[in-house]
C-alpha atoms as a PDB file:
ATOM      1  CA  MET A   1      -5.048   7.655 -28.855  1.00  0.00           C
ATOM      2  CA  LEU A   2      -5.815   4.199 -30.211  1.00  0.00           C
ATOM      3  CA  PHE A   3      -2.159   3.648 -31.087  1.00  0.00           C
ATOM      4  CA  SER A   4      -1.239   3.683 -27.387  1.00  0.00           C
ATOM      5  CA  ALA A   5      -3.774   0.956 -26.643  1.00  0.00           C
ATOM      6  CA  PHE A   6      -2.081  -1.328 -29.184  1.00  0.00           C
ATOM      7  CA  ASP A   7       1.475  -0.388 -28.144  1.00  0.00           C
ATOM      8  CA  ILE A   8       1.334  -2.910 -25.308  1.00  0.00           C
ATOM      9  CA  ASN A   9       4.964  -2.587 -24.194  1.00  0.00           C
ATOM     10  CA  GLY A  10       5.020   1.200 -24.553  1.00  0.00           C
ATOM     11  CA  ASP A  11       8.060   1.372 -26.824  1.00  0.00           C
ATOM     12  CA  GLY A  12       6.424   3.676 -29.369  1.00  0.00           C
ATOM     13  CA  TYR A  13       5.795   0.933 -31.918  1.00  0.00           C
ATOM     14  CA  VAL A  14       3.224  -1.802 -32.518  1.00  0.00           C
ATOM     15  CA  CYS A  15       4.959  -5.102 -33.232  1.00  0.00           C
ATOM     16  CA  ALA A  16       3.328  -8.426 -34.069  1.00  0.00           C
ATOM     17  CA  GLY A  17       3.494  -9.407 -30.386  1.00  0.00           C
ATOM     18  CA  ASP A  18       1.687  -6.236 -29.321  1.00  0.00           C
ATOM     19  CA  LEU A  19      -0.940  -6.748 -31.981  1.00  0.00           C
ATOM     20  CA  THR A  20      -1.386 -10.408 -31.023  1.00  0.00           C
ATOM     21  CA  THR A  21      -1.930  -9.456 -27.383  1.00  0.00           C
ATOM     22  CA  ALA A  22      -4.431  -6.743 -28.299  1.00  0.00           C
ATOM     23  CA  LEU A  23      -6.324  -9.058 -30.638  1.00  0.00           C
ATOM     24  CA  THR A  24      -6.390 -11.748 -27.941  1.00  0.00           C
ATOM     25  CA  HIS A  25      -7.999  -9.277 -25.543  1.00  0.00           C
ATOM     26  CA  ILE A  26     -10.569  -8.401 -28.188  1.00  0.00           C
ATOM     27  CA  ALA A  27     -11.322 -11.925 -29.442  1.00  0.00           C
ATOM     28  CA  GLY A  28     -10.975 -13.767 -26.148  1.00  0.00           C
ATOM     29  CA  ALA A  29     -11.071 -17.525 -26.506  1.00  0.00           C
ATOM     30  CA  ALA A  30     -13.150 -17.372 -29.697  1.00  0.00           C
ATOM     31  CA  VAL A  31     -10.042 -17.440 -31.920  1.00  0.00           C
ATOM     32  CA  PRO A  32      -6.917 -19.504 -31.169  1.00  0.00           C
ATOM     33  CA  ARG A  33      -3.902 -17.365 -30.178  1.00  0.00           C
ATOM     34  CA  ALA A  34      -1.778 -19.010 -32.894  1.00  0.00           C
ATOM     35  CA  GLN A  35      -4.232 -17.854 -35.537  1.00  0.00           C
ATOM     36  CA  LEU A  36      -4.227 -14.320 -34.107  1.00  0.00           C
ATOM     37  CA  ALA A  37      -0.415 -14.346 -34.102  1.00  0.00           C
ATOM     38  CA  HIS A  38      -0.424 -15.298 -37.782  1.00  0.00           C
ATOM     39  CA  VAL A  39      -2.874 -12.501 -38.610  1.00  0.00           C
ATOM     40  CA  ALA A  40      -0.838 -10.016 -36.552  1.00  0.00           C
ATOM     41  CA  ALA A  41       2.435 -10.931 -38.267  1.00  0.00           C
ATOM     42  CA  ALA A  42       0.851 -10.697 -41.726  1.00  0.00           C
ATOM     43  CA  THR A  43      -0.730  -7.344 -40.856  1.00  0.00           C
ATOM     44  CA  VAL A  44       2.534  -5.876 -39.605  1.00  0.00           C
ATOM     45  CA  ALA A  45       4.323  -7.124 -42.730  1.00  0.00           C
ATOM     46  CA  MET A  46       1.652  -5.577 -44.956  1.00  0.00           C
ATOM     47  CA  PHE A  47       1.852  -2.086 -43.420  1.00  0.00           C
ATOM     48  CA  ASP A  48       5.517  -1.919 -42.355  1.00  0.00           C
ATOM     49  CA  ARG A  49       6.839   0.497 -44.976  1.00  0.00           C
ATOM     50  CA  ASP A  50      10.356   0.792 -43.525  1.00  0.00           C
ATOM     51  CA  ASN A  51      10.793  -2.971 -42.998  1.00  0.00           C
ATOM     52  CA  ASP A  52      11.712  -2.803 -39.303  1.00  0.00           C
ATOM     53  CA  ASN A  53       9.110  -5.462 -38.361  1.00  0.00           C
ATOM     54  CA  ARG A  54       6.995  -3.022 -36.373  1.00  0.00           C
ATOM     55  CA  LEU A  55       4.537  -0.226 -37.026  1.00  0.00           C
ATOM     56  CA  HIS A  56       5.162   3.370 -36.019  1.00  0.00           C
ATOM     57  CA  ALA A  57       2.216   5.723 -35.577  1.00  0.00           C
ATOM     58  CA  ASP A  58       1.986   6.697 -39.270  1.00  0.00           C
ATOM     59  CA  GLU A  59       2.065   3.077 -40.426  1.00  0.00           C
ATOM     60  CA  PHE A  60      -0.546   2.162 -37.815  1.00  0.00           C
ATOM     61  CA  ALA A  61      -2.738   5.036 -39.030  1.00  0.00           C
ATOM     62  CA  ALA A  62      -2.452   3.673 -42.583  1.00  0.00           C
ATOM     63  CA  LEU A  63      -3.671   0.312 -41.266  1.00  0.00           C
ATOM     64  CA  LEU A  64      -6.656   1.912 -39.565  1.00  0.00           C
ATOM     65  CA  HIS A  65      -7.590   3.842 -42.709  1.00  0.00           C
ATOM     66  CA  SER A  66      -7.208   0.847 -45.014  1.00  0.00           C
ATOM     67  CA  GLU A  67      -9.884  -1.469 -46.306  1.00  0.00           C
ATOM     68  CA  VAL A  68      -8.236  -4.280 -44.298  1.00  0.00           C
ATOM     69  CA  MET A  69      -9.943  -2.947 -41.182  1.00  0.00           C
END
């Protein structure tokens, strides 16, 4: 499952840190880590329906099915 690949620390959620790490692996040195961290934090905030500052599987699925991706 794609969710597991983004859940870097394996806690069952994708937080901004997990997303930043995943995006860094994808983008490499092409995009500064600080910029990826900003994008990750904004993305989590946009799709975090229960306001716990992390995405559970359903929220992550909503991200994947959105026009943002």
